[in-house]
Amino acid sequence: MIYRILIIVLSSMLFGYLLGRKLGREEGLKEGILFTPIILRKRSLEEGKCTSCGREYFDLDGQS
């Protein structure tokens, strides 16, 4: 009797873990897709050049 209860408890904990992990991964992927362009733009502005092509930006006074 105690073994059945123990198996049920452990099985439900494993199921909860696997479900939570799956949902967390999906949420993380969605968040990564949304924030990647913002992070790339920030890095690009901090470095003063385009991160994809390497071209330098110009300041407001026309100097690079």
PDB file of N, CA and C in Angstrom:
ATOM      1  N   MET A   1       0.817  -1.189   0.000  1.00  0.00           N
ATOM      2  CA  MET A   1       0.000   0.000   0.000  1.00  0.00           C
ATOM      3  C   MET A   1       0.871   1.269   0.000  1.00  0.00           C
ATOM      4  N   ILE A   2       1.876   1.309   0.849  1.00  0.00           N
ATOM      5  CA  ILE A   2       2.739   2.491   0.923  1.00  0.00           C
ATOM      6  C   ILE A   2       3.538   2.671  -0.365  1.00  0.00           C
ATOM      7  N   TYR A   3       3.880   1.545  -1.018  1.00  0.00           N
ATOM      8  CA  TYR A   3       4.641   1.646  -2.258  1.00  0.00           C
ATOM      9  C   TYR A   3       3.808   2.272  -3.374  1.00  0.00           C
ATOM     10  N   ARG A   4       2.536   1.955  -3.411  1.00  0.00           N
ATOM     11  CA  ARG A   4       1.651   2.549  -4.425  1.00  0.00           C
ATOM     12  C   ARG A   4       1.546   4.054  -4.237  1.00  0.00           C
ATOM     13  N   ILE A   5       1.389   4.477  -2.996  1.00  0.00           N
ATOM     14  CA  ILE A   5       1.298   5.914  -2.706  1.00  0.00           C
ATOM     15  C   ILE A   5       2.609   6.598  -3.077  1.00  0.00           C
ATOM     16  N   LEU A   6       3.710   5.985  -2.728  1.00  0.00           N
ATOM     17  CA  LEU A   6       5.017   6.537  -3.043  1.00  0.00           C
ATOM     18  C   LEU A   6       5.219   6.641  -4.562  1.00  0.00           C
ATOM     19  N   ILE A   7       4.819   5.625  -5.301  1.00  0.00           N
ATOM     20  CA  ILE A   7       4.945   5.650  -6.762  1.00  0.00           C
ATOM     21  C   ILE A   7       4.058   6.739  -7.357  1.00  0.00           C
ATOM     22  N   ILE A   8       2.847   6.882  -6.825  1.00  0.00           N
ATOM     23  CA  ILE A   8       1.940   7.928  -7.329  1.00  0.00           C
ATOM     24  C   ILE A   8       2.513   9.320  -7.052  1.00  0.00           C
ATOM     25  N   VAL A   9       3.028   9.531  -5.864  1.00  0.00           N
ATOM     26  CA  VAL A   9       3.601  10.839  -5.504  1.00  0.00           C
ATOM     27  C   VAL A   9       4.811  11.150  -6.376  1.00  0.00           C
ATOM     28  N   LEU A  10       5.711  10.202  -6.518  1.00  0.00           N
ATOM     29  CA  LEU A  10       6.907  10.437  -7.335  1.00  0.00           C
ATOM     30  C   LEU A  10       6.552  10.637  -8.807  1.00  0.00           C
ATOM     31  N   SER A  11       5.566   9.894  -9.294  1.00  0.00           N
ATOM     32  CA  SER A  11       5.139  10.047 -10.686  1.00  0.00           C
ATOM     33  C   SER A  11       4.528  11.420 -10.926  1.00  0.00           C
ATOM     34  N   SER A  12       3.721  11.883  -9.987  1.00  0.00           N
ATOM     35  CA  SER A  12       3.107  13.204 -10.151  1.00  0.00           C
ATOM     36  C   SER A  12       4.164  14.308 -10.053  1.00  0.00           C
ATOM     37  N   MET A  13       5.165  14.139  -9.212  1.00  0.00           N
ATOM     38  CA  MET A  13       6.241  15.125  -9.132  1.00  0.00           C
ATOM     39  C   MET A  13       7.039  15.160 -10.429  1.00  0.00           C
ATOM     40  N   LEU A  14       7.321  14.005 -10.994  1.00  0.00           N
ATOM     41  CA  LEU A  14       8.046  13.942 -12.261  1.00  0.00           C
ATOM     42  C   LEU A  14       7.228  14.580 -13.377  1.00  0.00           C
ATOM     43  N   PHE A  15       5.937  14.295 -13.416  1.00  0.00           N
ATOM     44  CA  PHE A  15       5.073  14.892 -14.429  1.00  0.00           C
ATOM     45  C   PHE A  15       5.049  16.413 -14.296  1.00  0.00           C
ATOM     46  N   GLY A  16       4.925  16.919 -13.074  1.00  0.00           N
ATOM     47  CA  GLY A  16       4.935  18.366 -12.842  1.00  0.00           C
ATOM     48  C   GLY A  16       6.244  19.006 -13.270  1.00  0.00           C
ATOM     49  N   TYR A  17       7.334  18.355 -12.971  1.00  0.00           N
ATOM     50  CA  TYR A  17       8.652  18.852 -13.371  1.00  0.00           C
ATOM     51  C   TYR A  17       8.769  18.934 -14.887  1.00  0.00           C
ATOM     52  N   LEU A  18       8.391  17.858 -15.571  1.00  0.00           N
ATOM     53  CA  LEU A  18       8.503  17.829 -17.031  1.00  0.00           C
ATOM     54  C   LEU A  18       7.586  18.855 -17.681  1.00  0.00           C
ATOM     55  N   LEU A  19       6.383  19.016 -17.175  1.00  0.00           N
ATOM     56  CA  LEU A  19       5.460  20.002 -17.717  1.00  0.00           C
ATOM     57  C   LEU A  19       5.992  21.419 -17.494  1.00  0.00           C
ATOM     58  N   GLY A  20       6.488  21.694 -16.303  1.00  0.00           N
ATOM     59  CA  GLY A  20       7.049  23.011 -16.010  1.00  0.00           C
ATOM     60  C   GLY A  20       8.271  23.321 -16.854  1.00  0.00           C
ATOM     61  N   ARG A  21       9.084  22.329 -17.082  1.00  0.00           N
ATOM     62  CA  ARG A  21      10.273  22.545 -17.904  1.00  0.00           C
ATOM     63  C   ARG A  21       9.892  22.853 -19.341  1.00  0.00           C
ATOM     64  N   LYS A  22       8.911  22.135 -19.874  1.00  0.00           N
ATOM     65  CA  LYS A  22       8.466  22.360 -21.245  1.00  0.00           C
ATOM     66  C   LYS A  22       7.889  23.770 -21.402  1.00  0.00           C
ATOM     67  N   LEU A  23       7.028  24.164 -20.465  1.00  0.00           N
ATOM     68  CA  LEU A  23       6.429  25.492 -20.538  1.00  0.00           C
ATOM     69  C   LEU A  23       7.482  26.586 -20.359  1.00  0.00           C
ATOM     70  N   GLY A  24       8.456  26.357 -19.486  1.00  0.00           N
ATOM     71  CA  GLY A  24       9.524  27.333 -19.269  1.00  0.00           C
ATOM     72  C   GLY A  24      10.399  27.512 -20.502  1.00  0.00           C
ATOM     73  N   ARG A  25      10.685  26.424 -21.190  1.00  0.00           N
ATOM     74  CA  ARG A  25      11.495  26.523 -22.403  1.00  0.00           C
ATOM     75  C   ARG A  25      10.759  27.296 -23.490  1.00  0.00           C
ATOM     76  N   GLU A  26       9.465  27.023 -23.640  1.00  0.00           N
ATOM     77  CA  GLU A  26       8.676  27.736 -24.636  1.00  0.00           C
ATOM     78  C   GLU A  26       8.632  29.232 -24.317  1.00  0.00           C
ATOM     79  N   GLU A  27       8.434  29.568 -23.057  1.00  0.00           N
ATOM     80  CA  GLU A  27       8.387  30.969 -22.657  1.00  0.00           C
ATOM     81  C   GLU A  27       9.746  31.638 -22.878  1.00  0.00           C
ATOM     82  N   GLY A  28      10.815  30.924 -22.574  1.00  0.00           N
ATOM     83  CA  GLY A  28      12.153  31.469 -22.782  1.00  0.00           C
ATOM     84  C   GLY A  28      12.464  31.724 -24.248  1.00  0.00           C
ATOM     85  N   LEU A  29      12.034  30.822 -25.108  1.00  0.00           N
ATOM     86  CA  LEU A  29      12.251  31.020 -26.538  1.00  0.00           C
ATOM     87  C   LEU A  29      11.485  32.231 -27.051  1.00  0.00           C
ATOM     88  N   LYS A  30      10.234  32.382 -26.621  1.00  0.00           N
ATOM     89  CA  LYS A  30       9.436  33.544 -27.036  1.00  0.00           C
ATOM     90  C   LYS A  30      10.083  34.841 -26.566  1.00  0.00           C
ATOM     91  N   GLU A  31      10.549  34.843 -25.327  1.00  0.00           N
ATOM     92  CA  GLU A  31      11.183  36.040 -24.778  1.00  0.00           C
ATOM     93  C   GLU A  31      12.485  36.358 -25.516  1.00  0.00           C
ATOM     94  N   GLY A  32      13.245  35.329 -25.837  1.00  0.00           N
ATOM     95  CA  GLY A  32      14.488  35.534 -26.580  1.00  0.00           C
ATOM     96  C   GLY A  32      14.243  36.103 -27.957  1.00  0.00           C
ATOM     97  N   ILE A  33      13.213  35.615 -28.628  1.00  0.00           N
ATOM     98  CA  ILE A  33      12.882  36.130 -29.959  1.00  0.00           C
ATOM     99  C   ILE A  33      12.470  37.596 -29.877  1.00  0.00           C
ATOM    100  N   LEU A  34      11.754  37.974 -28.820  1.00  0.00           N
ATOM    101  CA  LEU A  34      11.308  39.356 -28.681  1.00  0.00           C
ATOM    102  C   LEU A  34      12.446  40.309 -28.307  1.00  0.00           C
ATOM    103  N   PHE A  35      13.370  39.868 -27.462  1.00  0.00           N
ATOM    104  CA  PHE A  35      14.394  40.772 -26.954  1.00  0.00           C
ATOM    105  C   PHE A  35      15.682  40.805 -27.771  1.00  0.00           C
ATOM    106  N   THR A  36      15.891  39.853 -28.651  1.00  0.00           N
ATOM    107  CA  THR A  36      17.130  39.828 -29.427  1.00  0.00           C
ATOM    108  C   THR A  36      17.330  41.083 -30.272  1.00  0.00           C
ATOM    109  N   PRO A  37      16.328  41.566 -31.014  1.00  0.00           N
ATOM    110  CA  PRO A  37      16.549  42.796 -31.792  1.00  0.00           C
ATOM    111  C   PRO A  37      16.881  43.998 -30.916  1.00  0.00           C
ATOM    112  N   ILE A  38      16.271  44.074 -29.732  1.00  0.00           N
ATOM    113  CA  ILE A  38      16.547  45.196 -28.830  1.00  0.00           C
ATOM    114  C   ILE A  38      17.973  45.117 -28.316  1.00  0.00           C
ATOM    115  N   ILE A  39      18.420  43.941 -27.950  1.00  0.00           N
ATOM    116  CA  ILE A  39      19.778  43.761 -27.435  1.00  0.00           C
ATOM    117  C   ILE A  39      20.808  44.072 -28.525  1.00  0.00           C
ATOM    118  N   LEU A  40      20.551  43.604 -29.744  1.00  0.00           N
ATOM    119  CA  LEU A  40      21.478  43.886 -30.846  1.00  0.00           C
ATOM    120  C   LEU A  40      21.544  45.380 -31.149  1.00  0.00           C
ATOM    121  N   ARG A  41      20.410  46.058 -31.113  1.00  0.00           N
ATOM    122  CA  ARG A  41      20.383  47.502 -31.362  1.00  0.00           C
ATOM    123  C   ARG A  41      21.149  48.241 -30.273  1.00  0.00           C
ATOM    124  N   LYS A  42      20.972  47.847 -29.023  1.00  0.00           N
ATOM    125  CA  LYS A  42      21.679  48.483 -27.910  1.00  0.00           C
ATOM    126  C   LYS A  42      23.185  48.299 -28.056  1.00  0.00           C
ATOM    127  N   ARG A  43      23.605  47.073 -28.337  1.00  0.00           N
ATOM    128  CA  ARG A  43      25.030  46.797 -28.505  1.00  0.00           C
ATOM    129  C   ARG A  43      25.604  47.593 -29.674  1.00  0.00           C
ATOM    130  N   SER A  44      24.838  47.674 -30.729  1.00  0.00           N
ATOM    131  CA  SER A  44      25.271  48.404 -31.914  1.00  0.00           C
ATOM    132  C   SER A  44      25.474  49.885 -31.593  1.00  0.00           C
ATOM    133  N   LEU A  45      24.552  50.480 -30.856  1.00  0.00           N
ATOM    134  CA  LEU A  45      24.673  51.891 -30.495  1.00  0.00           C
ATOM    135  C   LEU A  45      25.821  52.131 -29.516  1.00  0.00           C
ATOM    136  N   GLU A  46      26.038  51.181 -28.598  1.00  0.00           N
ATOM    137  CA  GLU A  46      27.138  51.334 -27.644  1.00  0.00           C
ATOM    138  C   GLU A  46      28.496  51.264 -28.331  1.00  0.00           C
ATOM    139  N   GLU A  47      28.636  50.380 -29.312  1.00  0.00           N
ATOM    140  CA  GLU A  47      29.906  50.218 -30.008  1.00  0.00           C
ATOM    141  C   GLU A  47      30.114  51.255 -31.101  1.00  0.00           C
ATOM    142  N   GLY A  48      29.046  51.901 -31.548  1.00  0.00           N
ATOM    143  CA  GLY A  48      29.160  52.928 -32.572  1.00  0.00           C
ATOM    144  C   GLY A  48      29.251  52.365 -33.981  1.00  0.00           C
ATOM    145  N   LYS A  49      28.926  51.103 -34.158  1.00  0.00           N
ATOM    146  CA  LYS A  49      28.931  50.517 -35.490  1.00  0.00           C
ATOM    147  C   LYS A  49      27.891  49.413 -35.571  1.00  0.00           C
ATOM    148  N   CYS A  50      27.496  49.108 -36.783  1.00  0.00           N
ATOM    149  CA  CYS A  50      26.491  48.085 -37.016  1.00  0.00           C
ATOM    150  C   CYS A  50      27.071  46.718 -36.667  1.00  0.00           C
ATOM    151  N   THR A  51      26.307  45.921 -35.894  1.00  0.00           N
ATOM    152  CA  THR A  51      26.813  44.612 -35.493  1.00  0.00           C
ATOM    153  C   THR A  51      26.745  43.595 -36.625  1.00  0.00           C
ATOM    154  N   SER A  52      25.902  43.830 -37.624  1.00  0.00           N
ATOM    155  CA  SER A  52      25.797  42.852 -38.702  1.00  0.00           C
ATOM    156  C   SER A  52      26.777  43.137 -39.846  1.00  0.00           C
ATOM    157  N   CYS A  53      26.976  44.414 -40.197  1.00  0.00           N
ATOM    158  CA  CYS A  53      27.862  44.692 -41.330  1.00  0.00           C
ATOM    159  C   CYS A  53      29.171  45.364 -40.928  1.00  0.00           C
ATOM    160  N   GLY A  54      29.248  45.918 -39.716  1.00  0.00           N
ATOM    161  CA  GLY A  54      30.481  46.537 -39.246  1.00  0.00           C
ATOM    162  C   GLY A  54      30.645  47.990 -39.647  1.00  0.00           C
ATOM    163  N   ARG A  55      29.666  48.558 -40.349  1.00  0.00           N
ATOM    164  CA  ARG A  55      29.753  49.960 -40.774  1.00  0.00           C
ATOM    165  C   ARG A  55      29.609  50.882 -39.571  1.00  0.00           C
ATOM    166  N   GLU A  56      30.431  51.925 -39.506  1.00  0.00           N
ATOM    167  CA  GLU A  56      30.395  52.842 -38.377  1.00  0.00           C
ATOM    168  C   GLU A  56      29.295  53.874 -38.553  1.00  0.00           C
ATOM    169  N   TYR A  57      28.715  54.280 -37.423  1.00  0.00           N
ATOM    170  CA  TYR A  57      27.695  55.318 -37.438  1.00  0.00           C
ATOM    171  C   TYR A  57      28.356  56.676 -37.423  1.00  0.00           C
ATOM    172  N   PHE A  58      27.633  57.667 -37.866  1.00  0.00           N
ATOM    173  CA  PHE A  58      28.107  59.041 -37.829  1.00  0.00           C
ATOM    174  C   PHE A  58      27.479  59.764 -36.672  1.00  0.00           C
ATOM    175  N   ASP A  59      28.249  60.665 -36.069  1.00  0.00           N
ATOM    176  CA  ASP A  59      27.698  61.533 -35.023  1.00  0.00           C
ATOM    177  C   ASP A  59      26.800  62.572 -35.659  1.00  0.00           C
ATOM    178  N   LEU A  60      26.165  63.388 -34.823  1.00  0.00           N
ATOM    179  CA  LEU A  60      25.284  64.430 -35.338  1.00  0.00           C
ATOM    180  C   LEU A  60      26.040  65.493 -36.104  1.00  0.00           C
ATOM    181  N   ASP A  61      27.332  65.705 -35.797  1.00  0.00           N
ATOM    182  CA  ASP A  61      28.106  66.712 -36.502  1.00  0.00           C
ATOM    183  C   ASP A  61      28.752  66.177 -37.780  1.00  0.00           C
ATOM    184  N   GLY A  62      28.468  64.925 -38.137  1.00  0.00           N
ATOM    185  CA  GLY A  62      28.954  64.378 -39.402  1.00  0.00           C
ATOM    186  C   GLY A  62      30.248  63.621 -39.323  1.00  0.00           C
ATOM    187  N   GLN A  63      30.835  63.514 -38.147  1.00  0.00           N
ATOM    188  CA  GLN A  63      32.089  62.790 -38.007  1.00  0.00           C
ATOM    189  C   GLN A  63      31.783  61.354 -37.614  1.00  0.00           C
ATOM    190  N   SER A  64      32.670  60.425 -38.028  1.00  0.00           N
ATOM    191  CA  SER A  64      32.442  59.021 -37.657  1.00  0.00           C
ATOM    192  C   SER A  64      33.173  58.674 -36.398  1.00  0.00           C
TER     193      SER A  64
END
